Amino acid sequence: MKKYVIWDFNGTILDDLELCLNILNQMLLNQDKQPIDLKTYKEIFGFPIKEYYTQAGLSFENQTFNQLSLDFIKAYQPKSLNEKLHEGVIHTLKTIQSMGLKNVLLSASETNNLIEQVKHFEIDQYFDFVIGTDNVNAIGKVERGLEFMHSNNIDPKQVIYIGDTIHDYEVATQMGVQVVLFDGGHQSYDRLKPLKVSIIHQINDIITYITQN
């Protein structure tokens, strides 16, 4: 029986896909570059973020990657509080909690920004652990995940990890835990499918998955 469900936040819990696309397109326009559409976004979004920015068409001639990251977060953070959680998230968190499992939030977001979002959406009560990073460059998720596993002496076999990107698959793999991917986030089903892991189309599908595994 699983004891922990590790959740990604952006794209998995928070439906911030269009917000991220809109901010990216504004950044492109600021550099006199062509904006991209949603389909293209889902085909190129990924980690490291710097590589994804490059694929989108951003350059670092007049602004460093760190400056662009700061600009993104400055625009993103306040607007993210106006977005919605994916359908079924709260019900799923409550159900998992009632089953006696611990919900863990693991995000590449900077910790203080993450905590602000979790409290704003009033879901902090459903998480036993909220784990972010110490930067706005979306770097360090693997290290923070491994640190959590080690410091709490957790058996990887007791964990299911749910995310929406190839990077989540990579993080889960390095942590040695089972992973389920959600195709309603930042990357398309076609990009996730080759990973040959379970893919869900609705967040509450994770409940069935847990009970069957």
C-alpha atoms as a PDB file:
ATOM      1  CA  MET A   1       0.000   0.000   0.000  1.00  0.00           C
ATOM      2  CA  LYS A   2       1.234   3.453  -0.873  1.00  0.00           C
ATOM      3  CA  LYS A   3       1.793   5.918   1.972  1.00  0.00           C
ATOM      4  CA  TYR A   4       2.755   9.095   0.100  1.00  0.00           C
ATOM      5  CA  VAL A   5       1.457  10.914  -2.959  1.00  0.00           C
ATOM      6  CA  ILE A   6       3.943  13.485  -4.239  1.00  0.00           C
ATOM      7  CA  TRP A   7       2.308  16.205  -6.310  1.00  0.00           C
ATOM      8  CA  ASP A   8       3.767  18.596  -8.842  1.00  0.00           C
ATOM      9  CA  PHE A   9       2.043  21.998  -8.662  1.00  0.00           C
ATOM     10  CA  ASN A  10       2.144  24.016 -11.892  1.00  0.00           C
ATOM     11  CA  GLY A  11       0.044  22.346 -14.555  1.00  0.00           C
ATOM     12  CA  THR A  12      -0.884  19.445 -12.281  1.00  0.00           C
ATOM     13  CA  ILE A  13      -2.732  21.147  -9.439  1.00  0.00           C
ATOM     14  CA  LEU A  14      -2.898  24.695 -10.785  1.00  0.00           C
ATOM     15  CA  ASP A  15      -4.286  25.189 -14.281  1.00  0.00           C
ATOM     16  CA  ASP A  16      -1.871  27.933 -15.307  1.00  0.00           C
ATOM     17  CA  LEU A  17      -1.197  26.818 -18.879  1.00  0.00           C
ATOM     18  CA  GLU A  18      -2.720  29.808 -20.680  1.00  0.00           C
ATOM     19  CA  LEU A  19      -1.242  32.253 -18.178  1.00  0.00           C
ATOM     20  CA  CYS A  20       2.246  30.914 -18.811  1.00  0.00           C
ATOM     21  CA  LEU A  21       1.694  31.041 -22.565  1.00  0.00           C
ATOM     22  CA  ASN A  22       0.438  34.636 -22.395  1.00  0.00           C
ATOM     23  CA  ILE A  23       3.427  35.795 -20.356  1.00  0.00           C
ATOM     24  CA  LEU A  24       5.839  33.988 -22.670  1.00  0.00           C
ATOM     25  CA  ASN A  25       4.256  35.670 -25.681  1.00  0.00           C
ATOM     26  CA  GLN A  26       4.559  39.082 -24.044  1.00  0.00           C
ATOM     27  CA  MET A  27       8.234  38.374 -23.422  1.00  0.00           C
ATOM     28  CA  LEU A  28       8.615  37.422 -27.086  1.00  0.00           C
ATOM     29  CA  LEU A  29       6.863  40.599 -28.211  1.00  0.00           C
ATOM     30  CA  ASN A  30       9.163  42.610 -25.950  1.00  0.00           C
ATOM     31  CA  GLN A  31      12.056  41.202 -27.985  1.00  0.00           C
ATOM     32  CA  ASP A  32      10.235  41.826 -31.294  1.00  0.00           C
ATOM     33  CA  LYS A  33       9.787  38.082 -31.748  1.00  0.00           C
ATOM     34  CA  GLN A  34       6.736  36.221 -33.024  1.00  0.00           C
ATOM     35  CA  PRO A  35       4.344  34.819 -30.408  1.00  0.00           C
ATOM     36  CA  ILE A  36       3.559  31.103 -30.412  1.00  0.00           C
ATOM     37  CA  ASP A  37       0.238  29.246 -30.180  1.00  0.00           C
ATOM     38  CA  LEU A  38      -0.902  26.805 -27.509  1.00  0.00           C
ATOM     39  CA  LYS A  39      -0.122  23.689 -29.537  1.00  0.00           C
ATOM     40  CA  THR A  40       3.445  24.857 -30.141  1.00  0.00           C
ATOM     41  CA  TYR A  41       3.846  25.744 -26.473  1.00  0.00           C
ATOM     42  CA  LYS A  42       2.864  22.241 -25.353  1.00  0.00           C
ATOM     43  CA  GLU A  43       5.304  20.769 -27.854  1.00  0.00           C
ATOM     44  CA  ILE A  44       8.319  22.819 -26.739  1.00  0.00           C
ATOM     45  CA  PHE A  45       7.763  23.503 -23.032  1.00  0.00           C
ATOM     46  CA  GLY A  46      10.226  21.689 -20.827  1.00  0.00           C
ATOM     47  CA  PHE A  47      13.234  21.804 -18.542  1.00  0.00           C
ATOM     48  CA  PRO A  48      15.775  23.262 -18.255  1.00  0.00           C
ATOM     49  CA  ILE A  49      13.692  26.419 -18.691  1.00  0.00           C
ATOM     50  CA  LYS A  50      16.545  28.178 -20.479  1.00  0.00           C
ATOM     51  CA  GLU A  51      16.424  25.622 -23.301  1.00  0.00           C
ATOM     52  CA  TYR A  52      12.660  25.994 -23.608  1.00  0.00           C
ATOM     53  CA  TYR A  53      13.024  29.790 -23.773  1.00  0.00           C
ATOM     54  CA  THR A  54      15.522  29.361 -26.594  1.00  0.00           C
ATOM     55  CA  GLN A  55      13.192  27.037 -28.513  1.00  0.00           C
ATOM     56  CA  ALA A  56      10.376  29.560 -28.084  1.00  0.00           C
ATOM     57  CA  GLY A  57      12.558  32.212 -29.705  1.00  0.00           C
ATOM     58  CA  LEU A  58      13.805  34.256 -26.767  1.00  0.00           C
ATOM     59  CA  SER A  59      17.380  35.481 -26.841  1.00  0.00           C
ATOM     60  CA  PHE A  60      19.750  36.478 -24.052  1.00  0.00           C
ATOM     61  CA  GLU A  61      21.613  39.242 -25.853  1.00  0.00           C
ATOM     62  CA  ASN A  62      20.116  42.168 -23.937  1.00  0.00           C
ATOM     63  CA  GLN A  63      18.770  40.292 -20.923  1.00  0.00           C
ATOM     64  CA  THR A  64      20.301  37.405 -19.042  1.00  0.00           C
ATOM     65  CA  PHE A  65      18.344  34.244 -18.384  1.00  0.00           C
ATOM     66  CA  ASN A  66      18.152  35.210 -14.724  1.00  0.00           C
ATOM     67  CA  GLN A  67      16.671  38.608 -15.627  1.00  0.00           C
ATOM     68  CA  LEU A  68      14.090  36.965 -17.875  1.00  0.00           C
ATOM     69  CA  SER A  69      13.204  34.534 -15.086  1.00  0.00           C
ATOM     70  CA  LEU A  70      12.710  37.413 -12.662  1.00  0.00           C
ATOM     71  CA  ASP A  71      10.525  39.218 -15.207  1.00  0.00           C
ATOM     72  CA  PHE A  72       8.449  36.089 -15.702  1.00  0.00           C
ATOM     73  CA  ILE A  73       7.871  35.557 -11.985  1.00  0.00           C
ATOM     74  CA  LYS A  74       7.070  39.233 -11.452  1.00  0.00           C
ATOM     75  CA  ALA A  75       4.294  38.954 -14.029  1.00  0.00           C
ATOM     76  CA  TYR A  76       3.257  35.412 -13.125  1.00  0.00           C
ATOM     77  CA  GLN A  77       2.979  35.342  -9.346  1.00  0.00           C
ATOM     78  CA  PRO A  78       0.176  37.891  -8.767  1.00  0.00           C
ATOM     79  CA  LYS A  79      -1.799  36.714 -11.817  1.00  0.00           C
ATOM     80  CA  SER A  80      -1.489  33.063 -10.807  1.00  0.00           C
ATOM     81  CA  LEU A  81      -3.689  33.804  -7.805  1.00  0.00           C
ATOM     82  CA  ASN A  82      -6.548  34.520 -10.228  1.00  0.00           C
ATOM     83  CA  GLU A  83      -6.246  31.151 -11.942  1.00  0.00           C
ATOM     84  CA  LYS A  84      -8.164  27.973 -11.081  1.00  0.00           C
ATOM     85  CA  LEU A  85      -7.193  24.591  -9.761  1.00  0.00           C
ATOM     86  CA  HIS A  86      -7.743  21.702 -12.125  1.00  0.00           C
ATOM     87  CA  GLU A  87     -11.149  20.093 -11.815  1.00  0.00           C
ATOM     88  CA  GLY A  88     -11.248  17.452  -9.100  1.00  0.00           C
ATOM     89  CA  VAL A  89      -8.064  18.526  -7.303  1.00  0.00           C
ATOM     90  CA  ILE A  90      -9.619  19.340  -3.924  1.00  0.00           C
ATOM     91  CA  HIS A  91     -11.835  16.250  -3.946  1.00  0.00           C
ATOM     92  CA  THR A  92      -8.805  14.119  -4.804  1.00  0.00           C
ATOM     93  CA  LEU A  93      -6.613  15.661  -2.097  1.00  0.00           C
ATOM     94  CA  LYS A  94      -9.367  15.150   0.482  1.00  0.00           C
ATOM     95  CA  THR A  95      -9.944  11.551  -0.587  1.00  0.00           C
ATOM     96  CA  ILE A  96      -6.258  10.673  -0.455  1.00  0.00           C
ATOM     97  CA  GLN A  97      -6.013  12.253   2.983  1.00  0.00           C
ATOM     98  CA  SER A  98      -9.066  10.298   4.184  1.00  0.00           C
ATOM     99  CA  MET A  99      -7.393   7.088   2.958  1.00  0.00           C
ATOM    100  CA  GLY A 100      -4.581   7.735   5.421  1.00  0.00           C
ATOM    101  CA  LEU A 101      -1.962   8.695   2.837  1.00  0.00           C
ATOM    102  CA  LYS A 102       0.185  11.810   3.093  1.00  0.00           C
ATOM    103  CA  ASN A 103       0.008  14.424   0.341  1.00  0.00           C
ATOM    104  CA  VAL A 104       3.369  16.003  -0.460  1.00  0.00           C
ATOM    105  CA  LEU A 105       3.788  19.052  -2.699  1.00  0.00           C
ATOM    106  CA  LEU A 106       7.100  19.138  -4.595  1.00  0.00           C
ATOM    107  CA  SER A 107       7.598  22.035  -6.989  1.00  0.00           C
ATOM    108  CA  ALA A 108      10.343  23.770  -8.933  1.00  0.00           C
ATOM    109  CA  SER A 109       8.758  27.047  -7.790  1.00  0.00           C
ATOM    110  CA  GLU A 110      10.518  29.229  -5.242  1.00  0.00           C
ATOM    111  CA  THR A 111       9.330  28.211  -1.784  1.00  0.00           C
ATOM    112  CA  ASN A 112       7.806  31.512  -0.648  1.00  0.00           C
ATOM    113  CA  ASN A 113       5.888  31.910  -3.918  1.00  0.00           C
ATOM    114  CA  LEU A 114       4.647  28.337  -3.635  1.00  0.00           C
ATOM    115  CA  ILE A 115       3.457  28.797  -0.061  1.00  0.00           C
ATOM    116  CA  GLU A 116       1.622  31.988  -1.041  1.00  0.00           C
ATOM    117  CA  GLN A 117      -0.237  30.099  -3.768  1.00  0.00           C
ATOM    118  CA  VAL A 118      -1.083  27.110  -1.601  1.00  0.00           C
ATOM    119  CA  LYS A 119      -2.483  29.318   1.151  1.00  0.00           C
ATOM    120  CA  HIS A 120      -4.391  31.490  -1.318  1.00  0.00           C
ATOM    121  CA  PHE A 121      -6.159  28.474  -2.806  1.00  0.00           C
ATOM    122  CA  GLU A 122      -6.784  27.134   0.711  1.00  0.00           C
ATOM    123  CA  ILE A 123      -5.240  23.743   0.033  1.00  0.00           C
ATOM    124  CA  ASP A 124      -2.426  23.940   2.588  1.00  0.00           C
ATOM    125  CA  GLN A 125      -4.560  21.883   4.988  1.00  0.00           C
ATOM    126  CA  TYR A 126      -4.351  18.880   2.674  1.00  0.00           C
ATOM    127  CA  PHE A 127      -0.550  18.751   2.506  1.00  0.00           C
ATOM    128  CA  ASP A 128       1.760  17.251   5.089  1.00  0.00           C
ATOM    129  CA  PHE A 129       4.796  18.722   3.318  1.00  0.00           C
ATOM    130  CA  VAL A 130       5.194  21.690   0.945  1.00  0.00           C
ATOM    131  CA  ILE A 131       8.585  21.693  -0.767  1.00  0.00           C
ATOM    132  CA  GLY A 132       9.835  24.358  -3.161  1.00  0.00           C
ATOM    133  CA  THR A 133      13.253  25.576  -4.309  1.00  0.00           C
ATOM    134  CA  ASP A 134      15.506  28.483  -3.374  1.00  0.00           C
ATOM    135  CA  ASN A 135      15.456  30.183  -6.807  1.00  0.00           C
ATOM    136  CA  VAL A 136      13.167  31.480  -9.570  1.00  0.00           C
ATOM    137  CA  ASN A 137      14.960  29.559 -12.318  1.00  0.00           C
ATOM    138  CA  ALA A 138      13.071  26.288 -11.685  1.00  0.00           C
ATOM    139  CA  ILE A 139      16.288  24.524 -10.703  1.00  0.00           C
ATOM    140  CA  GLY A 140      16.701  22.017  -7.884  1.00  0.00           C
ATOM    141  CA  LYS A 141      13.550  19.895  -7.868  1.00  0.00           C
ATOM    142  CA  VAL A 142      15.434  16.600  -7.990  1.00  0.00           C
ATOM    143  CA  GLU A 143      17.715  17.568  -5.129  1.00  0.00           C
ATOM    144  CA  ARG A 144      14.818  18.732  -2.969  1.00  0.00           C
ATOM    145  CA  GLY A 145      12.919  15.525  -3.678  1.00  0.00           C
ATOM    146  CA  LEU A 146      15.858  13.309  -2.784  1.00  0.00           C
ATOM    147  CA  GLU A 147      16.479  15.334   0.362  1.00  0.00           C
ATOM    148  CA  PHE A 148      12.848  14.848   1.400  1.00  0.00           C
ATOM    149  CA  MET A 149      13.024  11.090   0.848  1.00  0.00           C
ATOM    150  CA  HIS A 150      16.270  10.758   2.761  1.00  0.00           C
ATOM    151  CA  SER A 151      15.417  13.008   5.706  1.00  0.00           C
ATOM    152  CA  ASN A 152      12.102  11.207   6.250  1.00  0.00           C
ATOM    153  CA  ASN A 153      13.541   7.726   5.649  1.00  0.00           C
ATOM    154  CA  ILE A 154      10.902   6.944   3.032  1.00  0.00           C
ATOM    155  CA  ASP A 155      10.822   3.674   1.100  1.00  0.00           C
ATOM    156  CA  PRO A 156      10.424   4.574  -2.602  1.00  0.00           C
ATOM    157  CA  LYS A 157       7.968   1.688  -2.973  1.00  0.00           C
ATOM    158  CA  GLN A 158       5.557   3.583  -0.718  1.00  0.00           C
ATOM    159  CA  VAL A 159       5.371   6.581  -3.059  1.00  0.00           C
ATOM    160  CA  ILE A 160       3.368   7.603  -6.110  1.00  0.00           C
ATOM    161  CA  TYR A 161       4.416  10.797  -7.874  1.00  0.00           C
ATOM    162  CA  ILE A 162       2.005  12.711 -10.099  1.00  0.00           C
ATOM    163  CA  GLY A 163       3.116  15.387 -12.553  1.00  0.00           C
ATOM    164  CA  ASP A 164       2.452  16.727 -16.035  1.00  0.00           C
ATOM    165  CA  THR A 165       5.851  16.841 -17.743  1.00  0.00           C
ATOM    166  CA  ILE A 166       8.778  14.751 -18.905  1.00  0.00           C
ATOM    167  CA  HIS A 167      10.780  16.494 -16.185  1.00  0.00           C
ATOM    168  CA  ASP A 168       8.406  15.080 -13.576  1.00  0.00           C
ATOM    169  CA  TYR A 169       9.115  11.635 -14.993  1.00  0.00           C
ATOM    170  CA  GLU A 170      12.844  12.357 -14.712  1.00  0.00           C
ATOM    171  CA  VAL A 171      12.501  13.609 -11.135  1.00  0.00           C
ATOM    172  CA  ALA A 172      10.461  10.571 -10.101  1.00  0.00           C
ATOM    173  CA  THR A 173      12.932   8.230 -11.796  1.00  0.00           C
ATOM    174  CA  GLN A 174      15.869   9.750  -9.932  1.00  0.00           C
ATOM    175  CA  MET A 175      13.912   9.460  -6.693  1.00  0.00           C
ATOM    176  CA  GLY A 176      13.189   5.822  -7.503  1.00  0.00           C
ATOM    177  CA  VAL A 177       9.424   6.205  -7.156  1.00  0.00           C
ATOM    178  CA  GLN A 178       6.432   5.218  -9.273  1.00  0.00           C
ATOM    179  CA  VAL A 179       5.123   7.998 -11.512  1.00  0.00           C
ATOM    180  CA  VAL A 180       1.773   8.799 -13.097  1.00  0.00           C
ATOM    181  CA  LEU A 181       1.510  11.648 -15.593  1.00  0.00           C
ATOM    182  CA  PHE A 182      -1.441  13.978 -16.226  1.00  0.00           C
ATOM    183  CA  ASP A 183      -1.930  15.047 -19.838  1.00  0.00           C
ATOM    184  CA  GLY A 184      -4.000  18.150 -19.045  1.00  0.00           C
ATOM    185  CA  GLY A 185      -1.013  20.280 -18.108  1.00  0.00           C
ATOM    186  CA  HIS A 186       1.952  21.834 -19.899  1.00  0.00           C
ATOM    187  CA  GLN A 187       2.919  18.990 -22.220  1.00  0.00           C
ATOM    188  CA  SER A 188       0.889  17.067 -24.766  1.00  0.00           C
ATOM    189  CA  TYR A 189      -0.166  13.439 -24.521  1.00  0.00           C
ATOM    190  CA  ASP A 190       1.960  12.681 -27.572  1.00  0.00           C
ATOM    191  CA  ARG A 191       5.080  13.887 -25.750  1.00  0.00           C
ATOM    192  CA  LEU A 192       4.295  11.907 -22.608  1.00  0.00           C
ATOM    193  CA  LYS A 193       3.237   8.672 -24.309  1.00  0.00           C
ATOM    194  CA  PRO A 194       6.761   7.488 -25.321  1.00  0.00           C
ATOM    195  CA  LEU A 195       7.740   7.395 -21.634  1.00  0.00           C
ATOM    196  CA  LYS A 196       5.539   4.290 -21.298  1.00  0.00           C
ATOM    197  CA  VAL A 197       4.127   5.153 -17.889  1.00  0.00           C
ATOM    198  CA  SER A 198       0.513   5.457 -16.784  1.00  0.00           C
ATOM    199  CA  ILE A 199      -1.151   8.623 -18.094  1.00  0.00           C
ATOM    200  CA  ILE A 200      -4.373   9.997 -16.623  1.00  0.00           C
ATOM    201  CA  HIS A 201      -6.784  12.422 -18.261  1.00  0.00           C
ATOM    202  CA  GLN A 202      -8.574  13.603 -15.111  1.00  0.00           C
ATOM    203  CA  ILE A 203      -6.907  14.344 -11.789  1.00  0.00           C
ATOM    204  CA  ASN A 204      -9.299  12.200  -9.781  1.00  0.00           C
ATOM    205  CA  ASP A 205      -8.218   9.168 -11.839  1.00  0.00           C
ATOM    206  CA  ILE A 206      -5.252   9.000  -9.477  1.00  0.00           C
ATOM    207  CA  ILE A 207      -7.579   7.680  -6.747  1.00  0.00           C
ATOM    208  CA  THR A 208      -8.413   4.581  -8.782  1.00  0.00           C
ATOM    209  CA  TYR A 209      -4.765   4.146  -9.637  1.00  0.00           C
ATOM    210  CA  ILE A 210      -3.752   4.232  -5.966  1.00  0.00           C
ATOM    211  CA  THR A 211      -6.369   1.683  -4.924  1.00  0.00           C
ATOM    212  CA  GLN A 212      -5.300  -0.686  -7.678  1.00  0.00           C
ATOM    213  CA  ASN A 213      -1.574  -0.401  -6.982  1.00  0.00           C
END
